[in-house]
Amino acid sequence: MKKSLIIILAAVFTAISCKNQNQNLTADVEIPVSVQEATPRSIEEYVNTSGTAYPVGDIIVKSEITANYFLEKNPHTGKFWRLNDNVKSGDLIARLEDKEYVNSVKLETNELNLQLTESELKKQQSLYEKGGVTLNDLTTASINNANAKTAVETAHLQMAKMRILAPIEGVIVDLPYYTQGTRVNTGSNMVEIMNYKMMYMNVQLPEKYVSVIKPDQKVKLTNYTIPGDTIIGRITQLSPAINADTRTFQGNIMIDNPNYLLRPGMFVKADIVVNHKDSVIVIPKSIILSRQRGKTIFVIDRNGLASEQIIQTGLENLTDVEVTRGLQKNERYVTSGFETLSNRSKVKIIK
């Protein structure tokens, strides 16, 4: 019995000794970590939404007469107009020809008649001043002249239908192909032009942000096709009404798109900037640990050890958070490798 007790005690002492050795080995191990120095910078708080971007200008020009079609050349390239060409308001895209139509307009006849009525009106005015004609004669001459002017204006408007002009500045997004000289019918699509240097999108915003989102707030817009670029927009209009079914309210965003990075119809992610601070301590949200005593991070103390430190936070977005207490300027905090750290762990800084 005594011998067995001795053996058991020996085993216990051996186990304790091995454990102490392992603890000493563990305490001496330096855990590799990456650190970053806390420096003041800006942070923005967002409300995230999404929607489809539309051009502020979109016009389809149709033929107003039946005539023979002739596509014109782009004066800037010397080649026939094509899709994606930039146009200015008034550029001639195509012309329509039809002699029968021209004859029916009677532009020259109406212009000659206008000259005659103008001469007659001047003559009647002169005679009236001398008492040679009655007021009724002068009025008749005035009416004839006015009718002649209207006829000429109408003829010019009818002749203008033979010239397909760009009504706005923009980009050609649709240009149906017709063989030169082909007869096109009234109502045929000639060209579609979009102006998307400025764009807009309508978004549905959650009810809880009704007192947070305001007109003129900045909006940052991105699309997966332009991952390296951010387009800037502004909140322009907000509906005061809440949709009872969706618990949302409507907002309108105007988008400045001078380099045509966004295209009409693109699905866009929008971050509405509802708050902003400059010169504050900002850290990645991913390094914050949730403990019973609060939010903590690991900082490198004066002895080069990783100390767990309680922090308080302020503004935050999807990636970053403002630290309002618990981290001072120029303090170094652990950005990677913190998962295996305990308070006052020895570390080896690798970055």
Protein backbone atom coordinates (compact mmCIF):
# COMPACT_ATOMS: atom_id res chain seq x y z
CA MET A 1 0.00 0.00 0.00
CA LYS A 2 2.79 2.39 0.97
CA LYS A 3 4.69 1.50 -2.17
CA SER A 4 1.69 2.27 -4.36
CA LEU A 5 1.26 5.68 -2.70
CA ILE A 6 4.86 6.53 -3.42
CA ILE A 7 4.46 5.60 -7.08
CA ILE A 8 1.32 7.78 -7.41
CA LEU A 9 3.03 10.78 -5.77
CA ALA A 10 6.00 10.38 -8.10
CA ALA A 11 3.71 10.40 -11.13
CA VAL A 12 1.91 13.54 -9.91
CA PHE A 13 5.20 15.39 -9.37
CA THR A 14 6.37 14.34 -12.82
CA ALA A 15 3.14 15.61 -14.45
CA ILE A 16 3.37 18.93 -12.60
CA SER A 17 6.96 19.32 -13.65
CA CYS A 18 6.15 18.63 -17.31
CA LYS A 19 3.24 21.09 -17.20
CA ASN A 20 5.45 23.81 -15.77
CA GLN A 21 8.01 23.14 -18.47
CA ASN A 22 5.34 23.36 -21.18
CA GLN A 23 4.03 26.62 -19.68
CA ASN A 24 7.51 28.04 -19.67
CA LEU A 25 7.97 27.00 -23.28
CA THR A 26 4.62 28.53 -24.22
CA ALA A 27 5.43 31.76 -22.37
CA ASP A 28 8.67 32.04 -24.30
CA VAL A 29 7.02 31.56 -27.72
CA GLU A 30 6.76 34.79 -29.75
CA ILE A 31 3.52 34.90 -31.75
CA PRO A 32 3.92 36.54 -35.19
CA VAL A 33 1.59 39.52 -35.63
CA SER A 34 1.10 42.48 -37.94
CA VAL A 35 0.66 45.90 -36.40
CA GLN A 36 -0.37 49.35 -37.49
CA GLU A 37 0.13 52.76 -35.92
CA ALA A 38 -2.97 54.69 -34.90
CA THR A 39 -3.08 57.87 -36.96
CA PRO A 40 -5.97 60.34 -37.27
CA ARG A 41 -8.00 60.19 -40.48
CA SER A 42 -11.55 60.69 -41.67
CA ILE A 43 -14.48 58.30 -41.47
CA GLU A 44 -17.92 58.35 -43.03
CA GLU A 45 -21.07 56.62 -41.90
CA TYR A 46 -23.31 55.28 -44.66
CA VAL A 47 -26.81 54.13 -45.36
CA ASN A 48 -26.52 51.45 -48.02
CA THR A 49 -28.98 51.07 -50.86
CA SER A 50 -29.01 50.15 -54.55
CA GLY A 51 -30.90 50.82 -57.74
CA THR A 52 -30.75 51.25 -61.51
CA ALA A 53 -29.07 54.30 -63.07
CA TYR A 54 -30.95 56.12 -65.85
CA PRO A 55 -29.84 58.95 -68.17
CA VAL A 56 -31.26 62.43 -67.64
CA GLY A 57 -31.87 62.67 -71.39
CA ASP A 58 -33.19 59.91 -73.65
CA ILE A 59 -34.86 60.75 -76.96
CA ILE A 60 -35.89 58.50 -79.86
CA VAL A 61 -36.19 60.45 -83.13
CA LYS A 62 -38.77 59.05 -85.57
CA SER A 63 -39.43 59.84 -89.20
CA GLU A 64 -42.37 62.23 -89.58
CA ILE A 65 -42.74 61.59 -93.32
CA THR A 66 -42.41 58.75 -95.81
CA ALA A 67 -39.28 59.35 -97.89
CA ASN A 68 -35.92 57.97 -99.06
CA TYR A 69 -33.32 57.64 -96.32
CA PHE A 70 -29.68 58.80 -96.51
CA LEU A 71 -27.35 58.50 -93.52
CA GLU A 72 -24.96 61.44 -93.08
CA LYS A 73 -21.29 61.46 -92.00
CA ASN A 74 -19.97 62.45 -88.61
CA PRO A 75 -18.09 65.73 -89.26
CA HIS A 76 -15.63 64.89 -86.48
CA THR A 77 -14.56 61.51 -87.92
CA GLY A 78 -15.44 61.78 -91.61
CA LYS A 79 -17.21 58.43 -91.35
CA PHE A 80 -20.90 57.62 -91.33
CA TRP A 81 -22.56 58.01 -87.94
CA ARG A 82 -22.36 54.89 -85.81
CA LEU A 83 -23.28 53.61 -82.37
CA ASN A 84 -21.43 55.23 -79.45
CA ASP A 85 -20.65 58.41 -81.43
CA ASN A 86 -20.93 61.63 -79.45
CA VAL A 87 -23.34 64.16 -80.94
CA LYS A 88 -24.12 67.79 -80.28
CA SER A 89 -27.57 69.30 -80.41
CA GLY A 90 -28.35 70.17 -84.04
CA ASP A 91 -25.96 67.68 -85.66
CA LEU A 92 -27.36 66.30 -88.93
CA ILE A 93 -27.70 62.53 -88.56
CA ALA A 94 -29.62 61.71 -91.75
CA ARG A 95 -31.67 63.36 -94.49
CA LEU A 96 -34.87 62.30 -96.21
CA GLU A 97 -35.62 62.95 -99.86
CA ASP A 98 -38.99 63.00 -101.68
CA LYS A 99 -39.73 65.37 -104.57
CA GLU A 100 -43.47 64.91 -104.35
CA TYR A 101 -43.38 65.94 -100.70
CA VAL A 102 -41.25 69.01 -101.50
CA ASN A 103 -43.70 70.07 -104.20
CA SER A 104 -46.64 69.70 -101.83
CA VAL A 105 -45.00 71.98 -99.28
CA LYS A 106 -44.83 74.85 -101.82
CA LEU A 107 -42.12 76.69 -99.93
CA GLU A 108 -41.05 78.91 -102.83
CA THR A 109 -44.65 79.79 -103.72
CA ASN A 110 -45.41 80.73 -100.14
CA GLU A 111 -42.26 82.85 -99.89
CA LEU A 112 -43.18 84.76 -103.08
CA ASN A 113 -46.69 85.28 -101.77
CA LEU A 114 -45.22 86.66 -98.53
CA GLN A 115 -43.20 89.21 -100.52
CA LEU A 116 -46.34 90.30 -102.38
CA THR A 117 -48.40 90.68 -99.22
CA GLU A 118 -45.62 92.67 -97.54
CA SER A 119 -45.50 95.08 -100.51
CA GLU A 120 -49.28 95.36 -100.52
CA LEU A 121 -49.36 96.05 -96.79
CA LYS A 122 -46.79 98.86 -97.12
CA LYS A 123 -48.80 100.34 -99.99
CA GLN A 124 -52.06 100.22 -98.03
CA GLN A 125 -50.41 101.79 -94.97
CA SER A 126 -49.12 104.67 -97.09
CA LEU A 127 -52.50 105.22 -98.71
CA TYR A 128 -54.33 105.04 -95.41
CA GLU A 129 -52.13 107.77 -93.97
CA LYS A 130 -53.10 109.97 -96.92
CA GLY A 131 -56.77 109.02 -96.68
CA GLY A 132 -56.69 107.09 -99.94
CA VAL A 133 -58.06 103.79 -98.47
CA THR A 134 -60.30 102.80 -95.61
CA LEU A 135 -59.30 101.11 -92.36
CA ASN A 136 -61.03 98.00 -93.66
CA ASP A 137 -58.68 97.90 -96.68
CA LEU A 138 -55.65 98.26 -94.41
CA THR A 139 -56.91 95.51 -92.08
CA THR A 140 -57.47 93.15 -95.01
CA ALA A 141 -53.88 93.73 -96.18
CA SER A 142 -52.59 93.04 -92.66
CA ILE A 143 -54.55 89.79 -92.45
CA ASN A 144 -53.26 88.64 -95.84
CA ASN A 145 -49.70 89.38 -94.77
CA ALA A 146 -50.12 87.51 -91.47
CA ASN A 147 -51.56 84.50 -93.28
CA ALA A 148 -48.64 84.54 -95.73
CA LYS A 149 -46.14 84.57 -92.83
CA THR A 150 -47.89 81.61 -91.22
CA ALA A 151 -47.82 79.71 -94.51
CA VAL A 152 -44.07 80.27 -94.87
CA GLU A 153 -43.39 79.22 -91.26
CA THR A 154 -45.48 76.08 -91.77
CA ALA A 155 -43.61 75.28 -94.99
CA HIS A 156 -40.26 75.63 -93.21
CA LEU A 157 -41.44 73.32 -90.44
CA GLN A 158 -42.55 70.77 -93.02
CA MET A 159 -39.22 70.99 -94.86
CA ALA A 160 -37.36 70.53 -91.56
CA LYS A 161 -38.92 67.07 -91.33
CA MET A 162 -36.56 66.03 -94.11
CA ARG A 163 -33.53 66.58 -91.87
CA ILE A 164 -32.97 64.20 -88.95
CA LEU A 165 -31.18 66.35 -86.37
CA ALA A 166 -29.85 65.46 -82.93
CA PRO A 167 -32.28 67.13 -80.51
CA ILE A 168 -29.86 66.94 -77.54
CA GLU A 169 -26.18 66.51 -76.82
CA GLY A 170 -25.34 62.93 -75.98
CA VAL A 171 -24.33 59.54 -77.33
CA ILE A 172 -25.94 57.47 -80.08
CA VAL A 173 -27.24 54.30 -78.42
CA ASP A 174 -29.46 53.03 -81.24
CA LEU A 175 -29.12 53.62 -84.98
CA PRO A 176 -31.28 51.27 -87.08
CA TYR A 177 -29.63 50.26 -90.34
CA TYR A 178 -31.23 51.29 -93.62
CA THR A 179 -29.60 50.94 -97.04
CA GLN A 180 -28.87 54.35 -98.53
CA GLY A 181 -31.90 55.43 -100.56
CA THR A 182 -34.26 52.97 -98.88
CA ARG A 183 -37.78 54.31 -98.47
CA VAL A 184 -38.74 54.59 -94.83
CA ASN A 185 -42.25 55.04 -93.55
CA THR A 186 -43.65 57.65 -91.22
CA GLY A 187 -42.97 56.64 -87.62
CA SER A 188 -39.81 54.63 -88.39
CA ASN A 189 -37.08 54.90 -85.74
CA MET A 190 -34.20 57.03 -87.01
CA VAL A 191 -31.86 57.34 -84.01
CA GLU A 192 -31.87 57.16 -80.21
CA ILE A 193 -29.65 59.55 -78.28
CA MET A 194 -28.92 59.47 -74.56
CA ASN A 195 -27.28 62.12 -72.44
CA TYR A 196 -25.76 60.32 -69.47
CA LYS A 197 -23.12 62.77 -68.32
CA MET A 198 -25.73 63.29 -65.65
CA MET A 199 -27.79 60.34 -64.47
CA TYR A 200 -30.42 59.67 -61.84
CA MET A 201 -31.69 56.76 -59.83
CA ASN A 202 -34.77 56.23 -57.69
CA VAL A 203 -34.19 54.27 -54.48
CA GLN A 204 -36.38 52.86 -51.73
CA LEU A 205 -35.04 53.71 -48.27
CA PRO A 206 -35.92 52.00 -44.96
CA GLU A 207 -38.38 53.87 -42.75
CA LYS A 208 -35.90 54.02 -39.83
CA TYR A 209 -33.71 56.43 -41.80
CA VAL A 210 -36.47 58.97 -42.48
CA SER A 211 -34.94 61.47 -40.02
CA VAL A 212 -31.34 60.67 -40.98
CA ILE A 213 -31.28 61.04 -44.75
CA LYS A 214 -31.49 64.64 -45.97
CA PRO A 215 -31.45 66.42 -49.35
CA ASP A 216 -27.98 67.32 -50.69
CA GLN A 217 -26.22 64.53 -48.81
CA LYS A 218 -23.30 63.03 -50.75
CA VAL A 219 -23.72 59.55 -52.24
CA LYS A 220 -20.87 57.24 -53.28
CA LEU A 221 -21.82 54.91 -56.12
CA THR A 222 -20.03 51.82 -57.39
CA ASN A 223 -20.60 49.03 -59.90
CA TYR A 224 -18.80 45.70 -60.25
CA THR A 225 -17.59 46.71 -63.75
CA ILE A 226 -15.68 49.68 -62.29
CA PRO A 227 -14.31 48.30 -59.00
CA GLY A 228 -11.52 50.89 -58.79
CA ASP A 229 -13.72 53.94 -59.29
CA THR A 230 -16.29 55.71 -57.16
CA ILE A 231 -18.90 57.98 -58.75
CA ILE A 232 -20.29 60.85 -56.70
CA GLY A 233 -23.97 61.73 -56.52
CA ARG A 234 -26.31 63.80 -54.35
CA ILE A 235 -29.69 63.25 -52.75
CA THR A 236 -32.01 65.64 -54.58
CA GLN A 237 -35.52 64.64 -53.55
CA LEU A 238 -37.13 62.67 -50.72
CA SER A 239 -40.74 61.62 -50.43
CA PRO A 240 -42.40 62.43 -47.09
CA ALA A 241 -44.70 59.40 -47.41
CA ILE A 242 -43.95 55.91 -46.09
CA ASN A 243 -45.11 52.95 -48.15
CA ALA A 244 -47.32 50.95 -45.79
CA ASP A 245 -46.50 47.64 -47.50
CA THR A 246 -42.71 47.91 -47.73
CA ARG A 247 -42.07 50.36 -44.85
CA THR A 248 -39.85 52.41 -47.14
CA PHE A 249 -39.83 55.92 -48.59
CA GLN A 250 -38.62 57.03 -52.01
CA GLY A 251 -35.49 59.05 -52.68
CA ASN A 252 -33.97 60.48 -55.85
CA ILE A 253 -30.23 60.61 -56.49
CA MET A 254 -28.57 62.72 -59.19
CA ILE A 255 -25.25 61.33 -60.41
CA ASP A 256 -22.34 63.27 -61.91
CA ASN A 257 -20.94 60.98 -64.63
CA PRO A 258 -18.59 63.17 -66.75
CA ASN A 259 -16.36 60.29 -67.90
CA TYR A 260 -19.26 57.98 -68.81
CA LEU A 261 -18.07 55.35 -66.31
CA LEU A 262 -21.65 54.45 -65.49
CA ARG A 263 -23.82 53.24 -68.34
CA PRO A 264 -27.59 53.61 -68.67
CA GLY A 265 -29.38 50.68 -67.06
CA MET A 266 -26.51 49.66 -64.79
CA PHE A 267 -27.34 48.28 -61.35
CA VAL A 268 -25.54 50.51 -58.88
CA LYS A 269 -24.62 50.19 -55.20
CA ALA A 270 -25.13 53.49 -53.38
CA ASP A 271 -23.65 54.55 -50.03
CA ILE A 272 -25.42 57.65 -48.70
CA VAL A 273 -23.05 59.60 -46.44
CA VAL A 274 -25.16 60.51 -43.39
CA ASN A 275 -22.30 61.43 -41.04
CA HIS A 276 -18.66 62.41 -41.36
CA LYS A 277 -15.73 63.11 -39.04
CA ASP A 278 -12.18 64.25 -39.74
CA SER A 279 -8.98 63.68 -37.76
CA VAL A 280 -10.20 60.82 -35.57
CA ILE A 281 -8.69 57.44 -34.74
CA VAL A 282 -10.10 54.82 -37.12
CA ILE A 283 -9.42 51.07 -37.09
CA PRO A 284 -10.74 48.06 -39.04
CA LYS A 285 -13.89 46.56 -37.57
CA SER A 286 -12.51 43.07 -38.19
CA ILE A 287 -9.87 43.33 -35.42
CA ILE A 288 -12.34 44.10 -32.63
CA LEU A 289 -13.09 41.27 -30.19
CA SER A 290 -16.35 41.08 -28.25
CA ARG A 291 -15.79 40.25 -24.58
CA GLN A 292 -18.11 40.25 -21.58
CA ARG A 293 -16.46 43.45 -20.39
CA GLY A 294 -16.85 45.13 -23.77
CA LYS A 295 -15.07 45.60 -27.09
CA THR A 296 -11.32 44.96 -27.02
CA ILE A 297 -8.28 45.08 -29.25
CA PHE A 298 -4.65 44.16 -28.75
CA VAL A 299 -2.08 46.95 -28.53
CA ILE A 300 1.69 46.73 -28.23
CA ASP A 301 2.76 48.11 -24.84
CA ARG A 302 6.10 49.66 -23.80
CA ASN A 303 7.53 46.23 -23.08
CA GLY A 304 6.71 44.97 -26.56
CA LEU A 305 3.94 42.72 -25.27
CA ALA A 306 0.46 42.45 -26.73
CA SER A 307 -1.98 43.84 -24.16
CA GLU A 308 -5.73 43.45 -24.48
CA GLN A 309 -7.36 46.85 -24.22
CA ILE A 310 -11.00 47.88 -23.84
CA ILE A 311 -12.17 50.49 -26.34
CA GLN A 312 -15.24 52.61 -26.99
CA THR A 313 -16.40 53.33 -30.52
CA GLY A 314 -18.29 56.02 -32.41
CA LEU A 315 -19.06 56.26 -36.13
CA GLU A 316 -18.77 53.08 -38.15
CA ASN A 317 -19.36 51.70 -41.61
CA LEU A 318 -19.02 48.28 -43.21
CA THR A 319 -15.22 48.13 -42.84
CA ASP A 320 -14.06 50.74 -40.31
CA VAL A 321 -14.95 52.16 -36.92
CA GLU A 322 -14.01 55.27 -34.99
CA VAL A 323 -12.30 54.70 -31.61
CA THR A 324 -13.41 57.35 -29.12
CA ARG A 325 -11.60 55.92 -26.08
CA GLY A 326 -8.97 53.27 -25.39
CA LEU A 327 -6.53 53.93 -28.23
CA GLN A 328 -4.24 56.93 -28.47
CA LYS A 329 -2.53 58.54 -31.42
CA ASN A 330 0.68 56.74 -32.48
CA GLU A 331 -0.14 53.63 -30.39
CA ARG A 332 0.45 50.42 -32.27
CA TYR A 333 -2.40 47.95 -32.52
CA VAL A 334 -2.47 44.37 -33.84
CA THR A 335 -4.15 43.90 -37.20
CA SER A 336 -3.48 40.20 -37.82
CA GLY A 337 -2.48 37.27 -35.63
CA PHE A 338 -4.60 38.53 -32.72
CA GLU A 339 -6.82 35.44 -32.80
CA THR A 340 -4.27 33.36 -30.84
CA LEU A 341 -3.14 36.10 -28.45
CA SER A 342 -3.81 36.30 -24.73
CA ASN A 343 -3.19 39.30 -22.50
CA ARG A 344 0.53 40.27 -22.36
CA SER A 345 1.59 37.69 -24.93
CA LYS A 346 5.06 37.91 -26.39
CA VAL A 347 4.87 38.81 -30.09
CA LYS A 348 7.11 38.99 -33.10
CA ILE A 349 6.15 41.88 -35.34
CA ILE A 350 6.33 40.82 -38.98
CA LYS A 351 4.83 43.93 -40.51
